[in-house]
Amino acid sequence: MNKKNTFHSPLFTRHSRRRRAAAFSLIEVVIAVAIFAMAASALMAAFVNALLARESAVSNDQLHADIRAVRMQLLLEPDIEAAEDGDEYQTLHSGEAVWEALIEPTHLVDLFRVRLDIRFSEPPEGQAADYAETLYLLRPTWSESDERADLLQDKREALEDTRRDYRF
């Protein structure tokens, strides 16, 4: 019988070296798991940021819808004194809105500068309770037609005076 041990045969040692070379070492596996963990945590952070951005966008949309509704209340007010005094309005998302306006005529016919201030009783989470904006309104419901006629007549006369100077 051949006393050669099969474990020390050249065929087995070549096969064993190939198996060891084809396998991953413990260090390589640990490095791969660490890289995977870093990638997973980065993806998770991006996912959480996307969810927070979506929630913030919904909150902003709700607040802007309530601001538009209050702005419409101002624009529908037929009396300038009542518009300046303001009013209260129950919004859909931000509770009760208390608004007032500062209305100033400009040098242009029927153009008004309006500062609108709004205070919400229950603003969406992360949003401020106070909101202010400046609007320039052309011919709002409170502009008076007799005042408009006087201003237009003044402008017409000034234009005619200018044209008289340039007659040929």
C-alpha atoms as a PDB file:
ATOM      1  CA  MET A   1       0.000   0.000   0.000  1.00  0.00           C
ATOM      2  CA  ASN A   2       1.174   3.451  -0.744  1.00  0.00           C
ATOM      3  CA  LYS A   3       2.050   5.271   2.426  1.00  0.00           C
ATOM      4  CA  LYS A   4       1.536   8.654   0.940  1.00  0.00           C
ATOM      5  CA  ASN A   5      -0.915  10.639   2.926  1.00  0.00           C
ATOM      6  CA  THR A   6      -3.682  12.076   0.798  1.00  0.00           C
ATOM      7  CA  PHE A   7      -3.672  15.237   2.829  1.00  0.00           C
ATOM      8  CA  HIS A   8      -0.140  16.063   1.782  1.00  0.00           C
ATOM      9  CA  SER A   9      -0.510  15.186  -1.828  1.00  0.00           C
ATOM     10  CA  PRO A  10       0.407  17.899  -4.312  1.00  0.00           C
ATOM     11  CA  LEU A  11      -3.095  17.785  -5.735  1.00  0.00           C
ATOM     12  CA  PHE A  12      -4.684  18.536  -2.339  1.00  0.00           C
ATOM     13  CA  THR A  13      -2.294  21.378  -1.493  1.00  0.00           C
ATOM     14  CA  ARG A  14      -2.918  23.070  -4.844  1.00  0.00           C
ATOM     15  CA  HIS A  15      -6.659  22.708  -4.358  1.00  0.00           C
ATOM     16  CA  SER A  16      -6.423  23.980  -0.778  1.00  0.00           C
ATOM     17  CA  ARG A  17      -4.452  27.068  -1.846  1.00  0.00           C
ATOM     18  CA  ARG A  18      -7.018  27.829  -4.509  1.00  0.00           C
ATOM     19  CA  ARG A  19      -9.825  27.571  -1.952  1.00  0.00           C
ATOM     20  CA  ARG A  20      -8.043  29.912   0.434  1.00  0.00           C
ATOM     21  CA  ALA A  21      -7.289  32.416  -2.317  1.00  0.00           C
ATOM     22  CA  ALA A  22     -10.931  32.396  -3.504  1.00  0.00           C
ATOM     23  CA  ALA A  23     -12.389  33.031  -0.016  1.00  0.00           C
ATOM     24  CA  PHE A  24     -12.627  36.424   1.779  1.00  0.00           C
ATOM     25  CA  SER A  25     -10.614  37.102   4.871  1.00  0.00           C
ATOM     26  CA  LEU A  26     -12.272  38.372   8.051  1.00  0.00           C
ATOM     27  CA  ILE A  27     -10.779  41.854   7.541  1.00  0.00           C
ATOM     28  CA  GLU A  28     -12.280  42.107   4.046  1.00  0.00           C
ATOM     29  CA  VAL A  29     -15.708  41.085   5.354  1.00  0.00           C
ATOM     30  CA  VAL A  30     -15.550  43.630   8.193  1.00  0.00           C
ATOM     31  CA  ILE A  31     -14.550  46.400   5.751  1.00  0.00           C
ATOM     32  CA  ALA A  32     -17.394  45.465   3.401  1.00  0.00           C
ATOM     33  CA  VAL A  33     -19.921  45.505   6.281  1.00  0.00           C
ATOM     34  CA  ALA A  34     -18.610  48.912   7.433  1.00  0.00           C
ATOM     35  CA  ILE A  35     -18.957  50.347   3.911  1.00  0.00           C
ATOM     36  CA  PHE A  36     -22.474  48.927   3.659  1.00  0.00           C
ATOM     37  CA  ALA A  37     -23.394  50.417   7.062  1.00  0.00           C
ATOM     38  CA  MET A  38     -22.128  53.875   6.021  1.00  0.00           C
ATOM     39  CA  ALA A  39     -24.065  53.717   2.758  1.00  0.00           C
ATOM     40  CA  ALA A  40     -27.203  52.541   4.560  1.00  0.00           C
ATOM     41  CA  SER A  41     -26.980  55.357   7.118  1.00  0.00           C
ATOM     42  CA  ALA A  42     -26.480  57.944   4.346  1.00  0.00           C
ATOM     43  CA  LEU A  43     -29.515  56.602   2.475  1.00  0.00           C
ATOM     44  CA  MET A  44     -31.564  56.595   5.670  1.00  0.00           C
ATOM     45  CA  ALA A  45     -30.609  60.227   6.380  1.00  0.00           C
ATOM     46  CA  ALA A  46     -31.592  61.202   2.826  1.00  0.00           C
ATOM     47  CA  PHE A  47     -34.927  59.419   3.238  1.00  0.00           C
ATOM     48  CA  VAL A  48     -35.650  61.185   6.537  1.00  0.00           C
ATOM     49  CA  ASN A  49     -34.729  64.546   4.974  1.00  0.00           C
ATOM     50  CA  ALA A  50     -37.094  63.857   2.071  1.00  0.00           C
ATOM     51  CA  LEU A  51     -39.928  63.051   4.493  1.00  0.00           C
ATOM     52  CA  LEU A  52     -39.283  66.223   6.507  1.00  0.00           C
ATOM     53  CA  ALA A  53     -39.174  68.333   3.333  1.00  0.00           C
ATOM     54  CA  ARG A  54     -42.477  66.858   2.193  1.00  0.00           C
ATOM     55  CA  GLU A  55     -44.084  67.578   5.560  1.00  0.00           C
ATOM     56  CA  SER A  56     -42.740  71.134   5.509  1.00  0.00           C
ATOM     57  CA  ALA A  57     -44.067  71.665   1.980  1.00  0.00           C
ATOM     58  CA  VAL A  58     -47.541  70.530   3.037  1.00  0.00           C
ATOM     59  CA  SER A  59     -47.406  72.883   6.034  1.00  0.00           C
ATOM     60  CA  ASN A  60     -46.300  75.784   3.787  1.00  0.00           C
ATOM     61  CA  ASP A  61     -49.079  75.039   1.298  1.00  0.00           C
ATOM     62  CA  GLN A  62     -51.680  75.074   4.077  1.00  0.00           C
ATOM     63  CA  LEU A  63     -50.396  78.370   5.473  1.00  0.00           C
ATOM     64  CA  HIS A  64     -50.315  79.994   2.023  1.00  0.00           C
ATOM     65  CA  ALA A  65     -53.872  78.820   1.343  1.00  0.00           C
ATOM     66  CA  ASP A  66     -55.005  80.489   4.574  1.00  0.00           C
ATOM     67  CA  ILE A  67     -53.109  83.683   3.681  1.00  0.00           C
ATOM     68  CA  ARG A  68     -54.819  83.748   0.275  1.00  0.00           C
ATOM     69  CA  ALA A  69     -58.216  83.355   1.972  1.00  0.00           C
ATOM     70  CA  VAL A  70     -57.536  86.276   4.326  1.00  0.00           C
ATOM     71  CA  ARG A  71     -56.208  88.370   1.437  1.00  0.00           C
ATOM     72  CA  MET A  72     -59.476  87.679  -0.406  1.00  0.00           C
ATOM     73  CA  GLN A  73     -61.404  88.986   2.612  1.00  0.00           C
ATOM     74  CA  LEU A  74     -59.468  92.248   2.348  1.00  0.00           C
ATOM     75  CA  LEU A  75     -60.045  92.516  -1.392  1.00  0.00           C
ATOM     76  CA  LEU A  76     -63.782  91.874  -1.053  1.00  0.00           C
ATOM     77  CA  GLU A  77     -64.278  94.554   1.605  1.00  0.00           C
ATOM     78  CA  PRO A  78     -66.179  97.439  -0.057  1.00  0.00           C
ATOM     79  CA  ASP A  79     -65.471 100.075   2.614  1.00  0.00           C
ATOM     80  CA  ILE A  80     -61.962 101.502   3.040  1.00  0.00           C
ATOM     81  CA  GLU A  81     -62.429 102.211   6.775  1.00  0.00           C
ATOM     82  CA  ALA A  82     -63.647  98.662   7.402  1.00  0.00           C
ATOM     83  CA  ALA A  83     -60.721  97.326   5.374  1.00  0.00           C
ATOM     84  CA  GLU A  84     -58.257  99.303   7.490  1.00  0.00           C
ATOM     85  CA  ASP A  85     -59.908  98.178  10.729  1.00  0.00           C
ATOM     86  CA  GLY A  86     -59.621  94.580   9.598  1.00  0.00           C
ATOM     87  CA  ASP A  87     -61.646  91.629  10.736  1.00  0.00           C
ATOM     88  CA  GLU A  88     -61.449  88.073  12.021  1.00  0.00           C
ATOM     89  CA  TYR A  89     -61.619  85.084   9.722  1.00  0.00           C
ATOM     90  CA  GLN A  90     -61.792  81.384  10.580  1.00  0.00           C
ATOM     91  CA  THR A  91     -59.230  79.605   8.378  1.00  0.00           C
ATOM     92  CA  LEU A  92     -59.150  75.934   7.455  1.00  0.00           C
ATOM     93  CA  HIS A  93     -55.688  75.102   8.804  1.00  0.00           C
ATOM     94  CA  SER A  94     -54.399  77.934  10.992  1.00  0.00           C
ATOM     95  CA  GLY A  95     -57.260  78.641  13.371  1.00  0.00           C
ATOM     96  CA  GLU A  96     -58.619  82.139  13.587  1.00  0.00           C
ATOM     97  CA  ALA A  97     -56.881  84.859  11.609  1.00  0.00           C
ATOM     98  CA  VAL A  98     -57.067  88.447  12.811  1.00  0.00           C
ATOM     99  CA  TRP A  99     -56.114  90.898  10.073  1.00  0.00           C
ATOM    100  CA  GLU A 100     -55.805  94.620   9.545  1.00  0.00           C
ATOM    101  CA  ALA A 101     -54.540  96.788   6.723  1.00  0.00           C
ATOM    102  CA  LEU A 102     -52.823 100.125   6.300  1.00  0.00           C
ATOM    103  CA  ILE A 103     -54.029 101.653   3.026  1.00  0.00           C
ATOM    104  CA  GLU A 104     -52.220 104.564   1.357  1.00  0.00           C
ATOM    105  CA  PRO A 105     -53.039 106.076  -2.033  1.00  0.00           C
ATOM    106  CA  THR A 106     -50.152 106.552  -4.441  1.00  0.00           C
ATOM    107  CA  HIS A 107     -49.533 109.258  -7.029  1.00  0.00           C
ATOM    108  CA  LEU A 108     -51.019 107.064  -9.731  1.00  0.00           C
ATOM    109  CA  VAL A 109     -54.743 106.962 -10.391  1.00  0.00           C
ATOM    110  CA  ASP A 110     -56.487 104.117  -8.521  1.00  0.00           C
ATOM    111  CA  LEU A 111     -53.243 102.566  -7.271  1.00  0.00           C
ATOM    112  CA  PHE A 112     -53.067 101.890  -3.543  1.00  0.00           C
ATOM    113  CA  ARG A 113     -50.232 100.651  -1.351  1.00  0.00           C
ATOM    114  CA  VAL A 114     -51.644  98.221   1.214  1.00  0.00           C
ATOM    115  CA  ARG A 115     -49.771  96.713   4.142  1.00  0.00           C
ATOM    116  CA  LEU A 116     -51.624  93.602   5.298  1.00  0.00           C
ATOM    117  CA  ASP A 117     -50.870  92.206   8.765  1.00  0.00           C
ATOM    118  CA  ILE A 118     -52.245  88.820   9.819  1.00  0.00           C
ATOM    119  CA  ARG A 119     -52.010  86.983  13.148  1.00  0.00           C
ATOM    120  CA  PHE A 120     -52.972  83.295  13.201  1.00  0.00           C
ATOM    121  CA  SER A 121     -54.198  81.721  16.438  1.00  0.00           C
ATOM    122  CA  GLU A 122     -53.013  78.195  15.542  1.00  0.00           C
ATOM    123  CA  PRO A 123     -50.362  78.321  12.810  1.00  0.00           C
ATOM    124  CA  PRO A 124     -49.084  75.025  11.373  1.00  0.00           C
ATOM    125  CA  GLU A 125     -46.188  73.532  13.300  1.00  0.00           C
ATOM    126  CA  GLY A 126     -42.937  75.280  12.531  1.00  0.00           C
ATOM    127  CA  GLN A 127     -44.656  78.348  11.049  1.00  0.00           C
ATOM    128  CA  ALA A 128     -44.777  81.849  12.511  1.00  0.00           C
ATOM    129  CA  ALA A 129     -48.057  83.156  13.916  1.00  0.00           C
ATOM    130  CA  ASP A 130     -47.542  86.630  12.394  1.00  0.00           C
ATOM    131  CA  TYR A 131     -47.503  87.374   8.689  1.00  0.00           C
ATOM    132  CA  ALA A 132     -47.158  90.714   6.885  1.00  0.00           C
ATOM    133  CA  GLU A 133     -47.021  91.680   3.230  1.00  0.00           C
ATOM    134  CA  THR A 134     -47.227  94.797   1.100  1.00  0.00           C
ATOM    135  CA  LEU A 135     -49.593  94.819  -1.852  1.00  0.00           C
ATOM    136  CA  TYR A 136     -50.099  97.324  -4.625  1.00  0.00           C
ATOM    137  CA  LEU A 137     -53.739  97.242  -5.649  1.00  0.00           C
ATOM    138  CA  LEU A 138     -55.176  98.774  -8.779  1.00  0.00           C
ATOM    139  CA  ARG A 139     -58.838  99.778  -8.559  1.00  0.00           C
ATOM    140  CA  PRO A 140     -59.797  97.874  -5.438  1.00  0.00           C
ATOM    141  CA  THR A 141     -63.443  97.758  -4.365  1.00  0.00           C
ATOM    142  CA  TRP A 142     -63.009 100.800  -2.122  1.00  0.00           C
ATOM    143  CA  SER A 143     -61.599 103.163  -4.764  1.00  0.00           C
ATOM    144  CA  GLU A 144     -64.115 105.949  -5.333  1.00  0.00           C
ATOM    145  CA  SER A 145     -65.228 106.741  -8.867  1.00  0.00           C
ATOM    146  CA  ASP A 146     -65.622 110.506  -8.229  1.00  0.00           C
ATOM    147  CA  GLU A 147     -62.057 110.678  -6.913  1.00  0.00           C
ATOM    148  CA  ARG A 148     -60.937 108.710  -9.969  1.00  0.00           C
ATOM    149  CA  ALA A 149     -62.773 111.136 -12.267  1.00  0.00           C
ATOM    150  CA  ASP A 150     -61.097 114.133 -10.592  1.00  0.00           C
ATOM    151  CA  LEU A 151     -57.646 112.567 -10.880  1.00  0.00           C
ATOM    152  CA  LEU A 152     -58.233 111.644 -14.517  1.00  0.00           C
ATOM    153  CA  GLN A 153     -59.417 115.185 -15.281  1.00  0.00           C
ATOM    154  CA  ASP A 154     -56.269 116.623 -13.662  1.00  0.00           C
ATOM    155  CA  LYS A 155     -54.070 114.292 -15.713  1.00  0.00           C
ATOM    156  CA  ARG A 156     -55.970 115.127 -18.908  1.00  0.00           C
ATOM    157  CA  GLU A 157     -55.508 118.862 -18.334  1.00  0.00           C
ATOM    158  CA  ALA A 158     -51.803 118.445 -17.598  1.00  0.00           C
ATOM    159  CA  LEU A 159     -51.401 116.424 -20.794  1.00  0.00           C
ATOM    160  CA  GLU A 160     -53.269 119.029 -22.871  1.00  0.00           C
ATOM    161  CA  ASP A 161     -51.073 121.803 -21.410  1.00  0.00           C
ATOM    162  CA  THR A 162     -47.989 119.837 -22.421  1.00  0.00           C
ATOM    163  CA  ARG A 163     -49.329 119.345 -25.955  1.00  0.00           C
ATOM    164  CA  ARG A 164     -50.122 123.084 -26.388  1.00  0.00           C
ATOM    165  CA  ASP A 165     -46.449 123.879 -25.892  1.00  0.00           C
ATOM    166  CA  TYR A 166     -45.445 121.595 -28.782  1.00  0.00           C
ATOM    167  CA  ARG A 167     -47.900 122.738 -31.487  1.00  0.00           C
ATOM    168  CA  PHE A 168     -46.298 123.322 -34.859  1.00  0.00           C
END
